[in-house]
């Protein structure tokens, strides 16, 4: 089965390809030759994921999926949420986003946060949603060289390392994205079994 992944984020594509089993071919927008810039205008992860998948399905009429991920910080009432990638401004870097986040919670003793991923699959024209969550803490300062986004300041529950201090395999053990992808794969497998 081939699925187009409705994202231009190479890091996300790498993470997803690392956990999808043989038999499911994930094709990035770049690999599919699609150069469209997909908007994320909505106020929820679910609506943004649906928007992205719908745009690619309408362009290609092929099975596809998208995801939207947000960092939800307890001390900030769930922010940055849907603004996660653009927290410090529309053209902000990961470093600027992290600096703004740490500045806002610098004096807070409440450091709990979670990454939440919502996947929207459009399979044979039908829409399906899957969610994955990783609970954790925000570190007081960035640590680690790997990963992307807020990985240098996010420590998942059950570890003393930030995501950026982990190998991809280690991060996958905790990953919100993997949990959502696991649900997607489970659904695809059950669909395939039921259609035999």
C-alpha atoms as a PDB file:
ATOM      1  CA  UNK A   1       0.000   0.000   0.000  1.00  0.00           C
ATOM      2  CA  UNK A   2       1.248   3.488  -0.880  1.00  0.00           C
ATOM      3  CA  UNK A   3       0.357   6.532   1.209  1.00  0.00           C
ATOM      4  CA  UNK A   4       1.356  10.096   0.423  1.00  0.00           C
ATOM      5  CA  UNK A   5       2.455  11.922   3.553  1.00  0.00           C
ATOM      6  CA  UNK A   6       1.053  15.444   3.333  1.00  0.00           C
ATOM      7  CA  UNK A   7       4.020  17.280   4.819  1.00  0.00           C
ATOM      8  CA  UNK A   8       7.110  19.147   3.691  1.00  0.00           C
ATOM      9  CA  UNK A   9       8.882  18.367   6.988  1.00  0.00           C
ATOM     10  CA  UNK A  10      11.737  15.943   6.263  1.00  0.00           C
ATOM     11  CA  UNK A  11      12.284  15.239   9.993  1.00  0.00           C
ATOM     12  CA  UNK A  12       8.690  14.112  10.458  1.00  0.00           C
ATOM     13  CA  UNK A  13       8.854  11.961   7.320  1.00  0.00           C
ATOM     14  CA  UNK A  14      12.015  10.285   8.638  1.00  0.00           C
ATOM     15  CA  UNK A  15      10.408   9.535  12.017  1.00  0.00           C
ATOM     16  CA  UNK A  16       7.296   8.080  10.411  1.00  0.00           C
ATOM     17  CA  UNK A  17       9.185   5.964   7.866  1.00  0.00           C
ATOM     18  CA  UNK A  18      11.253   4.529  10.738  1.00  0.00           C
ATOM     19  CA  UNK A  19       8.169   3.020  12.420  1.00  0.00           C
ATOM     20  CA  UNK A  20       5.934   2.052   9.491  1.00  0.00           C
ATOM     21  CA  UNK A  21       6.209  -1.666   8.694  1.00  0.00           C
ATOM     22  CA  UNK A  22       7.182  -3.162   5.358  1.00  0.00           C
ATOM     23  CA  UNK A  23       4.173  -3.279   3.068  1.00  0.00           C
ATOM     24  CA  UNK A  24       3.220   0.335   3.676  1.00  0.00           C
ATOM     25  CA  UNK A  25       5.161   2.745   1.468  1.00  0.00           C
ATOM     26  CA  UNK A  26       5.202   6.305   2.795  1.00  0.00           C
ATOM     27  CA  UNK A  27       5.895   8.857   0.062  1.00  0.00           C
ATOM     28  CA  UNK A  28       6.761  12.413   1.067  1.00  0.00           C
ATOM     29  CA  UNK A  29       5.428  15.390  -0.887  1.00  0.00           C
ATOM     30  CA  UNK A  30       8.929  15.978  -2.249  1.00  0.00           C
ATOM     31  CA  UNK A  31       9.191  12.354  -3.409  1.00  0.00           C
ATOM     32  CA  UNK A  32       5.735  12.649  -4.982  1.00  0.00           C
ATOM     33  CA  UNK A  33       6.804  15.795  -6.846  1.00  0.00           C
ATOM     34  CA  UNK A  34       4.229  17.945  -5.032  1.00  0.00           C
ATOM     35  CA  UNK A  35       5.422  21.455  -4.205  1.00  0.00           C
ATOM     36  CA  UNK A  36       2.250  22.991  -2.794  1.00  0.00           C
ATOM     37  CA  UNK A  37       2.529  24.894   0.495  1.00  0.00           C
ATOM     38  CA  UNK A  38      -0.336  23.683   2.653  1.00  0.00           C
ATOM     39  CA  UNK A  39      -1.954  26.221   5.010  1.00  0.00           C
ATOM     40  CA  UNK A  40      -2.559  25.531   8.708  1.00  0.00           C
ATOM     41  CA  UNK A  41      -5.200  28.175   9.435  1.00  0.00           C
ATOM     42  CA  UNK A  42      -7.240  26.436  12.110  1.00  0.00           C
ATOM     43  CA  UNK A  43      -7.375  26.593  15.895  1.00  0.00           C
ATOM     44  CA  UNK A  44      -7.112  22.844  16.570  1.00  0.00           C
ATOM     45  CA  UNK A  45      -4.630  20.141  15.591  1.00  0.00           C
ATOM     46  CA  UNK A  46      -7.505  18.030  14.283  1.00  0.00           C
ATOM     47  CA  UNK A  47      -8.744  20.691  11.860  1.00  0.00           C
ATOM     48  CA  UNK A  48      -5.231  21.430  10.596  1.00  0.00           C
ATOM     49  CA  UNK A  49      -4.534  17.736   9.996  1.00  0.00           C
ATOM     50  CA  UNK A  50      -7.822  17.384   8.102  1.00  0.00           C
ATOM     51  CA  UNK A  51      -7.021  20.490   6.027  1.00  0.00           C
ATOM     52  CA  UNK A  52      -3.614  19.160   4.966  1.00  0.00           C
ATOM     53  CA  UNK A  53      -4.857  15.691   4.043  1.00  0.00           C
ATOM     54  CA  UNK A  54      -7.863  17.100   2.182  1.00  0.00           C
ATOM     55  CA  UNK A  55      -5.673  19.428   0.087  1.00  0.00           C
ATOM     56  CA  UNK A  56      -3.390  16.575  -1.001  1.00  0.00           C
ATOM     57  CA  UNK A  57      -6.270  14.179  -1.648  1.00  0.00           C
ATOM     58  CA  UNK A  58      -8.038  16.760  -3.806  1.00  0.00           C
ATOM     59  CA  UNK A  59      -4.817  17.274  -5.789  1.00  0.00           C
ATOM     60  CA  UNK A  60      -3.898  13.612  -6.257  1.00  0.00           C
ATOM     61  CA  UNK A  61      -7.010  11.522  -5.597  1.00  0.00           C
ATOM     62  CA  UNK A  62      -4.619   9.076  -3.897  1.00  0.00           C
ATOM     63  CA  UNK A  63      -4.675   7.623  -0.405  1.00  0.00           C
ATOM     64  CA  UNK A  64      -2.811   9.994   1.889  1.00  0.00           C
ATOM     65  CA  UNK A  65      -2.365  11.095   5.454  1.00  0.00           C
ATOM     66  CA  UNK A  66      -1.203  14.166   7.314  1.00  0.00           C
ATOM     67  CA  UNK A  67      -0.363  15.041  10.864  1.00  0.00           C
ATOM     68  CA  UNK A  68      -0.333  18.089  13.048  1.00  0.00           C
ATOM     69  CA  UNK A  69       1.607  18.146  16.296  1.00  0.00           C
ATOM     70  CA  UNK A  70       1.467  20.590  19.165  1.00  0.00           C
ATOM     71  CA  UNK A  71       3.410  21.105  22.372  1.00  0.00           C
ATOM     72  CA  UNK A  72       0.905  21.764  25.142  1.00  0.00           C
ATOM     73  CA  UNK A  73       2.475  23.321  28.246  1.00  0.00           C
ATOM     74  CA  UNK A  74       0.432  23.175  31.454  1.00  0.00           C
ATOM     75  CA  UNK A  75       1.730  26.475  32.871  1.00  0.00           C
ATOM     76  CA  UNK A  76       0.720  28.206  29.621  1.00  0.00           C
ATOM     77  CA  UNK A  77      -2.820  26.771  29.559  1.00  0.00           C
ATOM     78  CA  UNK A  78      -1.961  24.428  26.672  1.00  0.00           C
ATOM     79  CA  UNK A  79       0.056  26.877  24.593  1.00  0.00           C
ATOM     80  CA  UNK A  80       1.800  26.978  22.198  1.00  0.00           C
ATOM     81  CA  UNK A  81      -0.519  24.224  20.831  1.00  0.00           C
ATOM     82  CA  UNK A  82      -1.392  24.827  17.184  1.00  0.00           C
ATOM     83  CA  UNK A  83       1.131  27.703  17.157  1.00  0.00           C
ATOM     84  CA  UNK A  84       3.964  25.360  18.162  1.00  0.00           C
ATOM     85  CA  UNK A  85       6.060  25.826  14.998  1.00  0.00           C
ATOM     86  CA  UNK A  86       5.321  29.571  14.830  1.00  0.00           C
ATOM     87  CA  UNK A  87       5.338  30.426  18.536  1.00  0.00           C
ATOM     88  CA  UNK A  88       7.825  33.303  18.275  1.00  0.00           C
ATOM     89  CA  UNK A  89       6.465  34.486  14.913  1.00  0.00           C
ATOM     90  CA  UNK A  90       5.560  33.129  11.481  1.00  0.00           C
ATOM     91  CA  UNK A  91       9.207  32.855  10.383  1.00  0.00           C
ATOM     92  CA  UNK A  92      10.652  31.954  13.770  1.00  0.00           C
ATOM     93  CA  UNK A  93      13.435  29.420  14.228  1.00  0.00           C
ATOM     94  CA  UNK A  94      13.320  26.531  16.685  1.00  0.00           C
ATOM     95  CA  UNK A  95      15.841  28.393  18.848  1.00  0.00           C
ATOM     96  CA  UNK A  96      13.624  31.490  18.974  1.00  0.00           C
ATOM     97  CA  UNK A  97      10.569  29.387  19.860  1.00  0.00           C
ATOM     98  CA  UNK A  98      12.455  27.651  22.665  1.00  0.00           C
ATOM     99  CA  UNK A  99      13.792  30.959  23.984  1.00  0.00           C
ATOM    100  CA  UNK A 100      10.275  32.410  24.130  1.00  0.00           C
ATOM    101  CA  UNK A 101       8.888  29.293  25.828  1.00  0.00           C
ATOM    102  CA  UNK A 102      11.618  29.150  28.474  1.00  0.00           C
ATOM    103  CA  UNK A 103      11.242  32.881  29.100  1.00  0.00           C
ATOM    104  CA  UNK A 104       7.528  32.531  29.798  1.00  0.00           C
ATOM    105  CA  UNK A 105       7.906  29.673  32.291  1.00  0.00           C
ATOM    106  CA  UNK A 106      11.288  30.662  33.744  1.00  0.00           C
ATOM    107  CA  UNK A 107       9.928  31.317  37.243  1.00  0.00           C
ATOM    108  CA  UNK A 108       7.279  28.558  37.174  1.00  0.00           C
ATOM    109  CA  UNK A 109       7.593  25.400  39.246  1.00  0.00           C
ATOM    110  CA  UNK A 110       4.971  23.780  36.999  1.00  0.00           C
ATOM    111  CA  UNK A 111       7.017  22.235  34.151  1.00  0.00           C
ATOM    112  CA  UNK A 112       4.652  19.513  32.909  1.00  0.00           C
ATOM    113  CA  UNK A 113       3.854  19.432  29.216  1.00  0.00           C
ATOM    114  CA  UNK A 114       2.854  17.024  26.509  1.00  0.00           C
ATOM    115  CA  UNK A 115       3.357  16.547  22.823  1.00  0.00           C
ATOM    116  CA  UNK A 116       0.145  15.629  21.013  1.00  0.00           C
ATOM    117  CA  UNK A 117      -0.029  14.375  17.430  1.00  0.00           C
ATOM    118  CA  UNK A 118      -3.203  14.042  15.383  1.00  0.00           C
ATOM    119  CA  UNK A 119      -3.086  12.070  12.126  1.00  0.00           C
ATOM    120  CA  UNK A 120      -5.752  12.379   9.455  1.00  0.00           C
ATOM    121  CA  UNK A 121      -5.897   9.495   6.996  1.00  0.00           C
ATOM    122  CA  UNK A 122      -7.947   9.696   3.823  1.00  0.00           C
ATOM    123  CA  UNK A 123      -8.364   6.145   2.562  1.00  0.00           C
ATOM    124  CA  UNK A 124     -10.573   5.516  -0.470  1.00  0.00           C
ATOM    125  CA  UNK A 125     -12.149   8.920   0.079  1.00  0.00           C
ATOM    126  CA  UNK A 126     -13.002   8.297   3.750  1.00  0.00           C
ATOM    127  CA  UNK A 127     -11.492  10.293   6.600  1.00  0.00           C
ATOM    128  CA  UNK A 128     -10.093   8.752   9.797  1.00  0.00           C
ATOM    129  CA  UNK A 129      -8.371  10.411  12.796  1.00  0.00           C
ATOM    130  CA  UNK A 130      -5.740   8.971  15.158  1.00  0.00           C
ATOM    131  CA  UNK A 131      -4.067  10.581  18.189  1.00  0.00           C
ATOM    132  CA  UNK A 132      -0.803   9.997  20.035  1.00  0.00           C
ATOM    133  CA  UNK A 133       0.324  11.708  23.253  1.00  0.00           C
ATOM    134  CA  UNK A 134       3.671  11.859  25.055  1.00  0.00           C
ATOM    135  CA  UNK A 135       3.643  13.313  28.570  1.00  0.00           C
ATOM    136  CA  UNK A 136       6.753  14.958  29.943  1.00  0.00           C
ATOM    137  CA  UNK A 137       8.507  17.979  31.413  1.00  0.00           C
ATOM    138  CA  UNK A 138      10.112  21.141  30.056  1.00  0.00           C
ATOM    139  CA  UNK A 139      13.811  21.330  30.952  1.00  0.00           C
ATOM    140  CA  UNK A 140      15.252  24.555  32.357  1.00  0.00           C
ATOM    141  CA  UNK A 141      17.720  24.830  29.454  1.00  0.00           C
ATOM    142  CA  UNK A 142      18.286  23.154  26.063  1.00  0.00           C
ATOM    143  CA  UNK A 143      20.373  19.957  25.958  1.00  0.00           C
ATOM    144  CA  UNK A 144      21.326  17.686  23.058  1.00  0.00           C
ATOM    145  CA  UNK A 145      22.154  18.026  19.382  1.00  0.00           C
ATOM    146  CA  UNK A 146      19.697  15.667  17.673  1.00  0.00           C
ATOM    147  CA  UNK A 147      16.012  15.936  16.852  1.00  0.00           C
ATOM    148  CA  UNK A 148      14.246  19.148  15.859  1.00  0.00           C
ATOM    149  CA  UNK A 149      11.815  21.738  17.144  1.00  0.00           C
ATOM    150  CA  UNK A 150      11.449  21.662  20.928  1.00  0.00           C
ATOM    151  CA  UNK A 151      13.342  18.369  21.332  1.00  0.00           C
ATOM    152  CA  UNK A 152      16.225  20.039  23.245  1.00  0.00           C
ATOM    153  CA  UNK A 153      13.892  21.068  26.098  1.00  0.00           C
ATOM    154  CA  UNK A 154      11.365  18.214  26.246  1.00  0.00           C
ATOM    155  CA  UNK A 155      12.044  15.336  28.652  1.00  0.00           C
ATOM    156  CA  UNK A 156       9.498  12.511  28.247  1.00  0.00           C
ATOM    157  CA  UNK A 157       8.165  10.814  31.376  1.00  0.00           C
ATOM    158  CA  UNK A 158      10.272   7.742  32.114  1.00  0.00           C
ATOM    159  CA  UNK A 159      13.535   9.285  30.940  1.00  0.00           C
ATOM    160  CA  UNK A 160      16.104  11.764  32.202  1.00  0.00           C
ATOM    161  CA  UNK A 161      17.144  12.739  28.664  1.00  0.00           C
ATOM    162  CA  UNK A 162      15.652  15.343  26.367  1.00  0.00           C
ATOM    163  CA  UNK A 163      14.470  14.127  22.972  1.00  0.00           C
ATOM    164  CA  UNK A 164      17.505  15.901  21.471  1.00  0.00           C
ATOM    165  CA  UNK A 165      19.858  13.756  23.602  1.00  0.00           C
ATOM    166  CA  UNK A 166      18.327  10.547  22.235  1.00  0.00           C
ATOM    167  CA  UNK A 167      18.972   8.526  19.112  1.00  0.00           C
ATOM    168  CA  UNK A 168      16.011   8.210  16.767  1.00  0.00           C
ATOM    169  CA  UNK A 169      15.449   4.661  18.068  1.00  0.00           C
ATOM    170  CA  UNK A 170      15.382   5.900  21.677  1.00  0.00           C
ATOM    171  CA  UNK A 171      13.032   8.752  20.855  1.00  0.00           C
ATOM    172  CA  UNK A 172      10.726   6.348  19.038  1.00  0.00           C
ATOM    173  CA  UNK A 173      10.188   4.433  22.308  1.00  0.00           C
ATOM    174  CA  UNK A 174       8.414   7.487  23.759  1.00  0.00           C
ATOM    175  CA  UNK A 175       7.253   9.326  20.655  1.00  0.00           C
ATOM    176  CA  UNK A 176       3.771  10.814  20.388  1.00  0.00           C
ATOM    177  CA  UNK A 177       4.146  10.551  16.618  1.00  0.00           C
ATOM    178  CA  UNK A 178       4.917   6.824  16.810  1.00  0.00           C
ATOM    179  CA  UNK A 179       1.856   6.244  19.024  1.00  0.00           C
ATOM    180  CA  UNK A 180      -0.378   7.930  16.463  1.00  0.00           C
ATOM    181  CA  UNK A 181       1.294   6.045  13.604  1.00  0.00           C
ATOM    182  CA  UNK A 182       0.839   2.747  15.483  1.00  0.00           C
ATOM    183  CA  UNK A 183      -2.917   3.402  15.597  1.00  0.00           C
ATOM    184  CA  UNK A 184      -2.876   4.276  11.882  1.00  0.00           C
ATOM    185  CA  UNK A 185      -1.026   1.039  11.027  1.00  0.00           C
ATOM    186  CA  UNK A 186      -3.340  -1.025  13.248  1.00  0.00           C
ATOM    187  CA  UNK A 187      -6.324   0.439  11.403  1.00  0.00           C
ATOM    188  CA  UNK A 188      -4.773  -0.229   7.975  1.00  0.00           C
ATOM    189  CA  UNK A 189      -3.973  -3.811   8.971  1.00  0.00           C
ATOM    190  CA  UNK A 190      -7.518  -4.441  10.204  1.00  0.00           C
ATOM    191  CA  UNK A 191      -8.924  -2.891   7.023  1.00  0.00           C
ATOM    192  CA  UNK A 192      -6.749  -5.149   4.890  1.00  0.00           C
ATOM    193  CA  UNK A 193      -7.789  -8.246   6.863  1.00  0.00           C
ATOM    194  CA  UNK A 194     -11.477  -7.364   6.658  1.00  0.00           C
ATOM    195  CA  UNK A 195     -11.285  -6.794   2.910  1.00  0.00           C
ATOM    196  CA  UNK A 196      -9.830 -10.234   2.155  1.00  0.00           C
END
